[in-house]
PDB file of N, CA and C in Angstrom:
ATOM      1  N   UNK A   1       0.811  -1.200   0.000  1.00  0.00           N
ATOM      2  CA  UNK A   1       0.000   0.000   0.000  1.00  0.00           C
ATOM      3  C   UNK A   1       0.851   1.259   0.000  1.00  0.00           C
ATOM      4  N   UNK A   2       2.084   1.189   0.468  1.00  0.00           N
ATOM      5  CA  UNK A   2       2.929   2.381   0.533  1.00  0.00           C
ATOM      6  C   UNK A   2       3.289   2.873  -0.865  1.00  0.00           C
ATOM      7  N   UNK A   3       3.262   1.999  -1.875  1.00  0.00           N
ATOM      8  CA  UNK A   3       3.605   2.398  -3.235  1.00  0.00           C
ATOM      9  C   UNK A   3       2.484   3.168  -3.928  1.00  0.00           C
ATOM     10  N   UNK A   4       1.284   3.102  -3.422  1.00  0.00           N
ATOM     11  CA  UNK A   4       0.149   3.750  -4.069  1.00  0.00           C
ATOM     12  C   UNK A   4       0.329   5.257  -4.209  1.00  0.00           C
ATOM     13  N   UNK A   5       0.773   5.997  -3.201  1.00  0.00           N
ATOM     14  CA  UNK A   5       0.935   7.436  -3.397  1.00  0.00           C
ATOM     15  C   UNK A   5       1.914   7.769  -4.520  1.00  0.00           C
ATOM     16  N   UNK A   6       2.981   7.010  -4.663  1.00  0.00           N
ATOM     17  CA  UNK A   6       3.928   7.223  -5.756  1.00  0.00           C
ATOM     18  C   UNK A   6       3.293   6.981  -7.115  1.00  0.00           C
ATOM     19  N   UNK A   7       2.460   5.975  -7.189  1.00  0.00           N
ATOM     20  CA  UNK A   7       1.754   5.679  -8.445  1.00  0.00           C
ATOM     21  C   UNK A   7       0.772   6.795  -8.769  1.00  0.00           C
ATOM     22  N   UNK A   8       0.113   7.295  -7.749  1.00  0.00           N
ATOM     23  CA  UNK A   8      -0.813   8.414  -7.968  1.00  0.00           C
ATOM     24  C   UNK A   8      -0.063   9.621  -8.505  1.00  0.00           C
ATOM     25  N   UNK A   9       1.086   9.918  -7.908  1.00  0.00           N
ATOM     26  CA  UNK A   9       1.891  11.050  -8.379  1.00  0.00           C
ATOM     27  C   UNK A   9       2.308  10.848  -9.828  1.00  0.00           C
ATOM     28  N   UNK A  10       2.755   9.656 -10.151  1.00  0.00           N
ATOM     29  CA  UNK A  10       3.161   9.360 -11.515  1.00  0.00           C
ATOM     30  C   UNK A  10       1.974   9.532 -12.467  1.00  0.00           C
ATOM     31  N   UNK A  11       0.826   9.034 -12.068  1.00  0.00           N
ATOM     32  CA  UNK A  11      -0.379   9.170 -12.887  1.00  0.00           C
ATOM     33  C   UNK A  11      -0.748  10.628 -13.114  1.00  0.00           C
ATOM     34  N   UNK A  12      -0.635  11.427 -12.072  1.00  0.00           N
ATOM     35  CA  UNK A  12      -0.949  12.851 -12.180  1.00  0.00           C
ATOM     36  C   UNK A  12       0.053  13.545 -13.098  1.00  0.00           C
ATOM     37  N   UNK A  13       1.328  13.214 -12.972  1.00  0.00           N
ATOM     38  CA  UNK A  13       2.357  13.808 -13.836  1.00  0.00           C
ATOM     39  C   UNK A  13       2.085  13.446 -15.298  1.00  0.00           C
ATOM     40  N   UNK A  14       1.752  12.195 -15.555  1.00  0.00           N
ATOM     41  CA  UNK A  14       1.454  11.766 -16.926  1.00  0.00           C
ATOM     42  C   UNK A  14       0.230  12.497 -17.453  1.00  0.00           C
ATOM     43  N   UNK A  15      -0.815  12.588 -16.646  1.00  0.00           N
ATOM     44  CA  UNK A  15      -2.035  13.285 -17.060  1.00  0.00           C
ATOM     45  C   UNK A  15      -1.753  14.746 -17.393  1.00  0.00           C
ATOM     46  N   UNK A  16      -1.012  15.427 -16.535  1.00  0.00           N
ATOM     47  CA  UNK A  16      -0.691  16.832 -16.784  1.00  0.00           C
ATOM     48  C   UNK A  16       0.167  16.999 -18.032  1.00  0.00           C
ATOM     49  N   UNK A  17       1.071  16.073 -18.264  1.00  0.00           N
ATOM     50  CA  UNK A  17       1.910  16.122 -19.463  1.00  0.00           C
ATOM     51  C   UNK A  17       1.060  15.969 -20.716  1.00  0.00           C
ATOM     52  N   UNK A  18       0.135  15.032 -20.694  1.00  0.00           N
ATOM     53  CA  UNK A  18      -0.754  14.818 -21.837  1.00  0.00           C
ATOM     54  C   UNK A  18      -1.608  16.057 -22.077  1.00  0.00           C
ATOM     55  N   UNK A  19      -2.177  16.618 -21.022  1.00  0.00           N
ATOM     56  CA  UNK A  19      -3.008  17.814 -21.173  1.00  0.00           C
ATOM     57  C   UNK A  19      -2.205  18.988 -21.710  1.00  0.00           C
ATOM     58  N   UNK A  20      -0.998  19.154 -21.248  1.00  0.00           N
ATOM     59  CA  UNK A  20      -0.140  20.231 -21.748  1.00  0.00           C
ATOM     60  C   UNK A  20       0.176  20.010 -23.222  1.00  0.00           C
ATOM     61  N   UNK A  21       0.413  18.781 -23.595  1.00  0.00           N
ATOM     62  CA  UNK A  21       0.676  18.464 -24.997  1.00  0.00           C
ATOM     63  C   UNK A  21      -0.514  18.761 -25.878  1.00  0.00           C
ATOM     64  N   UNK A  22      -1.712  18.475 -25.391  1.00  0.00           N
ATOM     65  CA  UNK A  22      -2.920  18.772 -26.161  1.00  0.00           C
ATOM     66  C   UNK A  22      -3.066  20.269 -26.382  1.00  0.00           C
ATOM     67  N   UNK A  23      -2.721  21.047 -25.389  1.00  0.00           N
ATOM     68  CA  UNK A  23      -2.813  22.504 -25.522  1.00  0.00           C
ATOM     69  C   UNK A  23      -1.841  23.003 -26.579  1.00  0.00           C
ATOM     70  N   UNK A  24      -0.697  22.367 -26.715  1.00  0.00           N
ATOM     71  CA  UNK A  24       0.290  22.788 -27.695  1.00  0.00           C
ATOM     72  C   UNK A  24      -0.084  22.372 -29.108  1.00  0.00           C
ATOM     73  N   UNK A  25      -0.885  21.330 -29.234  1.00  0.00           N
ATOM     74  CA  UNK A  25      -1.269  20.836 -30.547  1.00  0.00           C
ATOM     75  C   UNK A  25      -2.111  21.863 -31.295  1.00  0.00           C
ATOM     76  N   UNK A  26      -2.988  22.541 -30.586  1.00  0.00           N
ATOM     77  CA  UNK A  26      -3.851  23.529 -31.224  1.00  0.00           C
ATOM     78  C   UNK A  26      -3.011  24.734 -31.617  1.00  0.00           C
ATOM     79  N   UNK A  27      -2.801  24.873 -32.896  1.00  0.00           N
ATOM     80  CA  UNK A  27      -1.949  25.958 -33.382  1.00  0.00           C
ATOM     81  C   UNK A  27      -2.767  27.070 -34.019  1.00  0.00           C
ATOM     82  N   UNK A  28      -4.077  26.998 -33.890  1.00  0.00           N
ATOM     83  CA  UNK A  28      -4.937  28.023 -34.450  1.00  0.00           C
ATOM     84  C   UNK A  28      -6.179  28.189 -33.582  1.00  0.00           C
ATOM     85  N   UNK A  29      -6.917  29.247 -33.830  1.00  0.00           N
ATOM     86  CA  UNK A  29      -8.182  29.489 -33.141  1.00  0.00           C
ATOM     87  C   UNK A  29      -9.103  30.241 -34.103  1.00  0.00           C
ATOM     88  N   UNK A  30     -10.375  30.307 -33.755  1.00  0.00           N
ATOM     89  CA  UNK A  30     -11.345  31.007 -34.589  1.00  0.00           C
ATOM     90  C   UNK A  30     -11.399  32.474 -34.190  1.00  0.00           C
ATOM     91  N   UNK A  31     -11.464  33.362 -35.194  1.00  0.00           N
ATOM     92  CA  UNK A  31     -11.642  34.795 -34.956  1.00  0.00           C
ATOM     93  C   UNK A  31     -12.666  35.338 -35.927  1.00  0.00           C
ATOM     94  N   UNK A  32     -13.400  36.335 -35.460  1.00  0.00           N
ATOM     95  CA  UNK A  32     -14.360  37.044 -36.304  1.00  0.00           C
ATOM     96  C   UNK A  32     -14.350  38.494 -35.861  1.00  0.00           C
ATOM     97  N   UNK A  33     -14.080  39.377 -36.780  1.00  0.00           N
ATOM     98  CA  UNK A  33     -13.977  40.796 -36.455  1.00  0.00           C
ATOM     99  C   UNK A  33     -15.265  41.291 -35.793  1.00  0.00           C
ATOM    100  N   UNK A  34     -15.105  41.915 -34.630  1.00  0.00           N
ATOM    101  CA  UNK A  34     -16.234  42.496 -33.914  1.00  0.00           C
ATOM    102  C   UNK A  34     -17.076  41.509 -33.116  1.00  0.00           C
ATOM    103  N   UNK A  35     -16.698  40.237 -33.129  1.00  0.00           N
ATOM    104  CA  UNK A  35     -17.490  39.217 -32.432  1.00  0.00           C
ATOM    105  C   UNK A  35     -17.042  39.099 -30.978  1.00  0.00           C
ATOM    106  N   UNK A  36     -17.992  38.776 -30.132  1.00  0.00           N
ATOM    107  CA  UNK A  36     -17.708  38.564 -28.709  1.00  0.00           C
ATOM    108  C   UNK A  36     -17.540  37.069 -28.447  1.00  0.00           C
ATOM    109  N   UNK A  37     -17.121  36.757 -27.233  1.00  0.00           N
ATOM    110  CA  UNK A  37     -17.015  35.347 -26.828  1.00  0.00           C
ATOM    111  C   UNK A  37     -18.394  34.691 -26.902  1.00  0.00           C
ATOM    112  N   UNK A  38     -19.412  35.437 -26.555  1.00  0.00           N
ATOM    113  CA  UNK A  38     -20.782  34.923 -26.634  1.00  0.00           C
ATOM    114  C   UNK A  38     -21.185  34.607 -28.067  1.00  0.00           C
ATOM    115  N   UNK A  39     -20.791  35.459 -29.010  1.00  0.00           N
ATOM    116  CA  UNK A  39     -21.075  35.202 -30.426  1.00  0.00           C
ATOM    117  C   UNK A  39     -20.418  33.903 -30.868  1.00  0.00           C
ATOM    118  N   UNK A  40     -19.171  33.724 -30.432  1.00  0.00           N
ATOM    119  CA  UNK A  40     -18.447  32.495 -30.772  1.00  0.00           C
ATOM    120  C   UNK A  40     -19.181  31.274 -30.229  1.00  0.00           C
ATOM    121  N   UNK A  41     -19.583  31.342 -28.973  1.00  0.00           N
ATOM    122  CA  UNK A  41     -20.247  30.198 -28.341  1.00  0.00           C
ATOM    123  C   UNK A  41     -21.540  29.841 -29.059  1.00  0.00           C
ATOM    124  N   UNK A  42     -22.317  30.855 -29.451  1.00  0.00           N
ATOM    125  CA  UNK A  42     -23.572  30.610 -30.167  1.00  0.00           C
ATOM    126  C   UNK A  42     -23.297  29.944 -31.516  1.00  0.00           C
ATOM    127  N   UNK A  43     -22.357  30.509 -32.282  1.00  0.00           N
ATOM    128  CA  UNK A  43     -22.057  29.957 -33.600  1.00  0.00           C
ATOM    129  C   UNK A  43     -21.425  28.570 -33.504  1.00  0.00           C
ATOM    130  N   UNK A  44     -20.524  28.379 -32.539  1.00  0.00           N
ATOM    131  CA  UNK A  44     -19.897  27.072 -32.371  1.00  0.00           C
ATOM    132  C   UNK A  44     -20.944  26.009 -32.042  1.00  0.00           C
ATOM    133  N   UNK A  45     -21.853  26.334 -31.144  1.00  0.00           N
ATOM    134  CA  UNK A  45     -22.887  25.362 -30.754  1.00  0.00           C
ATOM    135  C   UNK A  45     -23.787  25.026 -31.943  1.00  0.00           C
ATOM    136  N   UNK A  46     -24.197  26.060 -32.696  1.00  0.00           N
ATOM    137  CA  UNK A  46     -25.062  25.820 -33.859  1.00  0.00           C
ATOM    138  C   UNK A  46     -24.343  24.968 -34.900  1.00  0.00           C
ATOM    139  N   UNK A  47     -23.076  25.263 -35.135  1.00  0.00           N
ATOM    140  CA  UNK A  47     -22.323  24.497 -36.131  1.00  0.00           C
ATOM    141  C   UNK A  47     -22.079  23.058 -35.679  1.00  0.00           C
ATOM    142  N   UNK A  48     -21.832  22.875 -34.392  1.00  0.00           N
ATOM    143  CA  UNK A  48     -21.656  21.505 -33.887  1.00  0.00           C
ATOM    144  C   UNK A  48     -22.941  20.712 -34.052  1.00  0.00           C
ATOM    145  N   UNK A  49     -24.074  21.327 -33.715  1.00  0.00           N
ATOM    146  CA  UNK A  49     -25.352  20.625 -33.865  1.00  0.00           C
ATOM    147  C   UNK A  49     -25.591  20.254 -35.327  1.00  0.00           C
ATOM    148  N   UNK A  50     -25.283  21.171 -36.219  1.00  0.00           N
ATOM    149  CA  UNK A  50     -25.484  20.935 -37.643  1.00  0.00           C
ATOM    150  C   UNK A  50     -24.493  19.911 -38.187  1.00  0.00           C
ATOM    151  N   UNK A  51     -23.246  20.011 -37.793  1.00  0.00           N
ATOM    152  CA  UNK A  51     -22.185  19.186 -38.376  1.00  0.00           C
ATOM    153  C   UNK A  51     -22.112  17.777 -37.818  1.00  0.00           C
ATOM    154  N   UNK A  52     -22.428  17.622 -36.543  1.00  0.00           N
ATOM    155  CA  UNK A  52     -22.230  16.333 -35.894  1.00  0.00           C
ATOM    156  C   UNK A  52     -23.522  15.576 -35.629  1.00  0.00           C
ATOM    157  N   UNK A  53     -24.678  16.164 -35.972  1.00  0.00           N
ATOM    158  CA  UNK A  53     -25.927  15.431 -35.746  1.00  0.00           C
ATOM    159  C   UNK A  53     -25.977  14.234 -36.682  1.00  0.00           C
ATOM    160  N   UNK A  54     -26.426  13.121 -36.152  1.00  0.00           N
ATOM    161  CA  UNK A  54     -26.499  11.899 -36.935  1.00  0.00           C
ATOM    162  C   UNK A  54     -25.206  11.115 -36.999  1.00  0.00           C
ATOM    163  N   UNK A  55     -24.163  11.606 -36.351  1.00  0.00           N
ATOM    164  CA  UNK A  55     -22.890  10.870 -36.388  1.00  0.00           C
ATOM    165  C   UNK A  55     -22.752   9.930 -35.206  1.00  0.00           C
ATOM    166  N   UNK A  56     -23.732   9.947 -34.304  1.00  0.00           N
ATOM    167  CA  UNK A  56     -23.736   9.082 -33.118  1.00  0.00           C
ATOM    168  C   UNK A  56     -22.447   9.179 -32.324  1.00  0.00           C
ATOM    169  N   UNK A  57     -21.921  10.385 -32.226  1.00  0.00           N
ATOM    170  CA  UNK A  57     -20.721  10.607 -31.427  1.00  0.00           C
ATOM    171  C   UNK A  57     -19.413  10.392 -32.157  1.00  0.00           C
ATOM    172  N   UNK A  58     -19.483   9.926 -33.390  1.00  0.00           N
ATOM    173  CA  UNK A  58     -18.266   9.698 -34.161  1.00  0.00           C
ATOM    174  C   UNK A  58     -17.834  10.996 -34.830  1.00  0.00           C
ATOM    175  N   UNK A  59     -16.596  11.379 -34.585  1.00  0.00           N
ATOM    176  CA  UNK A  59     -16.026  12.552 -35.237  1.00  0.00           C
ATOM    177  C   UNK A  59     -15.139  12.036 -36.364  1.00  0.00           C
ATOM    178  N   UNK A  60     -15.481  12.440 -37.577  1.00  0.00           N
ATOM    179  CA  UNK A  60     -14.721  12.003 -38.743  1.00  0.00           C
ATOM    180  C   UNK A  60     -14.091  13.220 -39.420  1.00  0.00           C
ATOM    181  N   UNK A  61     -13.195  12.972 -40.345  1.00  0.00           N
ATOM    182  CA  UNK A  61     -12.610  14.084 -41.100  1.00  0.00           C
ATOM    183  C   UNK A  61     -13.697  14.877 -41.806  1.00  0.00           C
ATOM    184  N   UNK A  62     -14.683  14.198 -42.353  1.00  0.00           N
ATOM    185  CA  UNK A  62     -15.761  14.884 -43.066  1.00  0.00           C
ATOM    186  C   UNK A  62     -16.603  15.740 -42.120  1.00  0.00           C
ATOM    187  N   UNK A  63     -16.910  15.233 -40.931  1.00  0.00           N
ATOM    188  CA  UNK A  63     -17.708  16.041 -39.999  1.00  0.00           C
ATOM    189  C   UNK A  63     -16.921  17.257 -39.511  1.00  0.00           C
ATOM    190  N   UNK A  64     -15.618  17.116 -39.365  1.00  0.00           N
ATOM    191  CA  UNK A  64     -14.779  18.261 -38.979  1.00  0.00           C
ATOM    192  C   UNK A  64     -14.763  19.279 -40.110  1.00  0.00           C
ATOM    193  N   UNK A  65     -14.667  18.815 -41.354  1.00  0.00           N
ATOM    194  CA  UNK A  65     -14.703  19.740 -42.490  1.00  0.00           C
ATOM    195  C   UNK A  65     -16.044  20.471 -42.552  1.00  0.00           C
ATOM    196  N   UNK A  66     -17.145  19.755 -42.272  1.00  0.00           N
ATOM    197  CA  UNK A  66     -18.469  20.405 -42.233  1.00  0.00           C
ATOM    198  C   UNK A  66     -18.503  21.473 -41.152  1.00  0.00           C
ATOM    199  N   UNK A  67     -17.921  21.171 -39.998  1.00  0.00           N
ATOM    200  CA  UNK A  67     -17.868  22.127 -38.891  1.00  0.00           C
ATOM    201  C   UNK A  67     -17.094  23.373 -39.315  1.00  0.00           C
ATOM    202  N   UNK A  68     -15.963  23.193 -39.946  1.00  0.00           N
ATOM    203  CA  UNK A  68     -15.143  24.328 -40.389  1.00  0.00           C
ATOM    204  C   UNK A  68     -15.879  25.159 -41.434  1.00  0.00           C
ATOM    205  N   UNK A  69     -16.526  24.480 -42.386  1.00  0.00           N
ATOM    206  CA  UNK A  69     -17.289  25.216 -43.409  1.00  0.00           C
ATOM    207  C   UNK A  69     -18.417  26.016 -42.779  1.00  0.00           C
ATOM    208  N   UNK A  70     -19.072  25.440 -41.791  1.00  0.00           N
ATOM    209  CA  UNK A  70     -20.163  26.132 -41.097  1.00  0.00           C
ATOM    210  C   UNK A  70     -19.640  27.387 -40.400  1.00  0.00           C
ATOM    211  N   UNK A  71     -18.552  27.247 -39.665  1.00  0.00           N
ATOM    212  CA  UNK A  71     -17.983  28.404 -38.961  1.00  0.00           C
ATOM    213  C   UNK A  71     -17.556  29.476 -39.961  1.00  0.00           C
ATOM    214  N   UNK A  72     -16.934  29.062 -41.054  1.00  0.00           N
ATOM    215  CA  UNK A  72     -16.506  30.023 -42.071  1.00  0.00           C
ATOM    216  C   UNK A  72     -17.698  30.709 -42.721  1.00  0.00           C
ATOM    217  N   UNK A  73     -18.792  29.977 -42.913  1.00  0.00           N
ATOM    218  CA  UNK A  73     -19.985  30.580 -43.514  1.00  0.00           C
ATOM    219  C   UNK A  73     -20.613  31.629 -42.594  1.00  0.00           C
ATOM    220  N   UNK A  74     -20.294  31.560 -41.309  1.00  0.00           N
ATOM    221  CA  UNK A  74     -20.787  32.527 -40.335  1.00  0.00           C
ATOM    222  C   UNK A  74     -19.788  33.664 -40.101  1.00  0.00           C
ATOM    223  N   UNK A  75     -18.743  33.696 -40.908  1.00  0.00           N
ATOM    224  CA  UNK A  75     -17.786  34.794 -40.851  1.00  0.00           C
ATOM    225  C   UNK A  75     -16.545  34.552 -40.014  1.00  0.00           C
ATOM    226  N   UNK A  76     -16.393  33.360 -39.457  1.00  0.00           N
ATOM    227  CA  UNK A  76     -15.223  33.037 -38.640  1.00  0.00           C
ATOM    228  C   UNK A  76     -14.074  32.586 -39.523  1.00  0.00           C
ATOM    229  N   UNK A  77     -12.862  32.911 -39.124  1.00  0.00           N
ATOM    230  CA  UNK A  77     -11.663  32.514 -39.850  1.00  0.00           C
ATOM    231  C   UNK A  77     -10.677  31.876 -38.885  1.00  0.00           C
ATOM    232  N   UNK A  78      -9.985  30.856 -39.389  1.00  0.00           N
ATOM    233  CA  UNK A  78      -8.929  30.222 -38.582  1.00  0.00           C
ATOM    234  C   UNK A  78      -7.710  31.129 -38.599  1.00  0.00           C
ATOM    235  N   UNK A  79      -7.176  31.392 -37.394  1.00  0.00           N
ATOM    236  CA  UNK A  79      -6.008  32.260 -37.241  1.00  0.00           C
ATOM    237  C   UNK A  79      -4.969  31.494 -36.438  1.00  0.00           C
ATOM    238  N   UNK A  80      -3.724  31.526 -36.904  1.00  0.00           N
ATOM    239  CA  UNK A  80      -2.662  30.845 -36.188  1.00  0.00           C
ATOM    240  C   UNK A  80      -2.409  31.510 -34.837  1.00  0.00           C
ATOM    241  N   UNK A  81      -2.066  30.686 -33.840  1.00  0.00           N
ATOM    242  CA  UNK A  81      -1.764  31.207 -32.500  1.00  0.00           C
ATOM    243  C   UNK A  81      -0.418  31.887 -32.479  1.00  0.00           C
TER     244      UNK A  81
END
């Protein structure tokens, strides 16, 4: 039982490393001139509902492309970080 705290620490370190890596993977974000965070949330939610409905939780390259096209049709552009 004494080894459990060490394993927990290792697990936490691995989890934090993975999460940090995921944050670095995203090299772009959506921007729209004059839009607020609320505008983004509304458009993102609408596009997700439109793009991913009927996929039963499966995210495919095609559904991601539909999501991007939807956001772009609403005036959003991908901008590098």
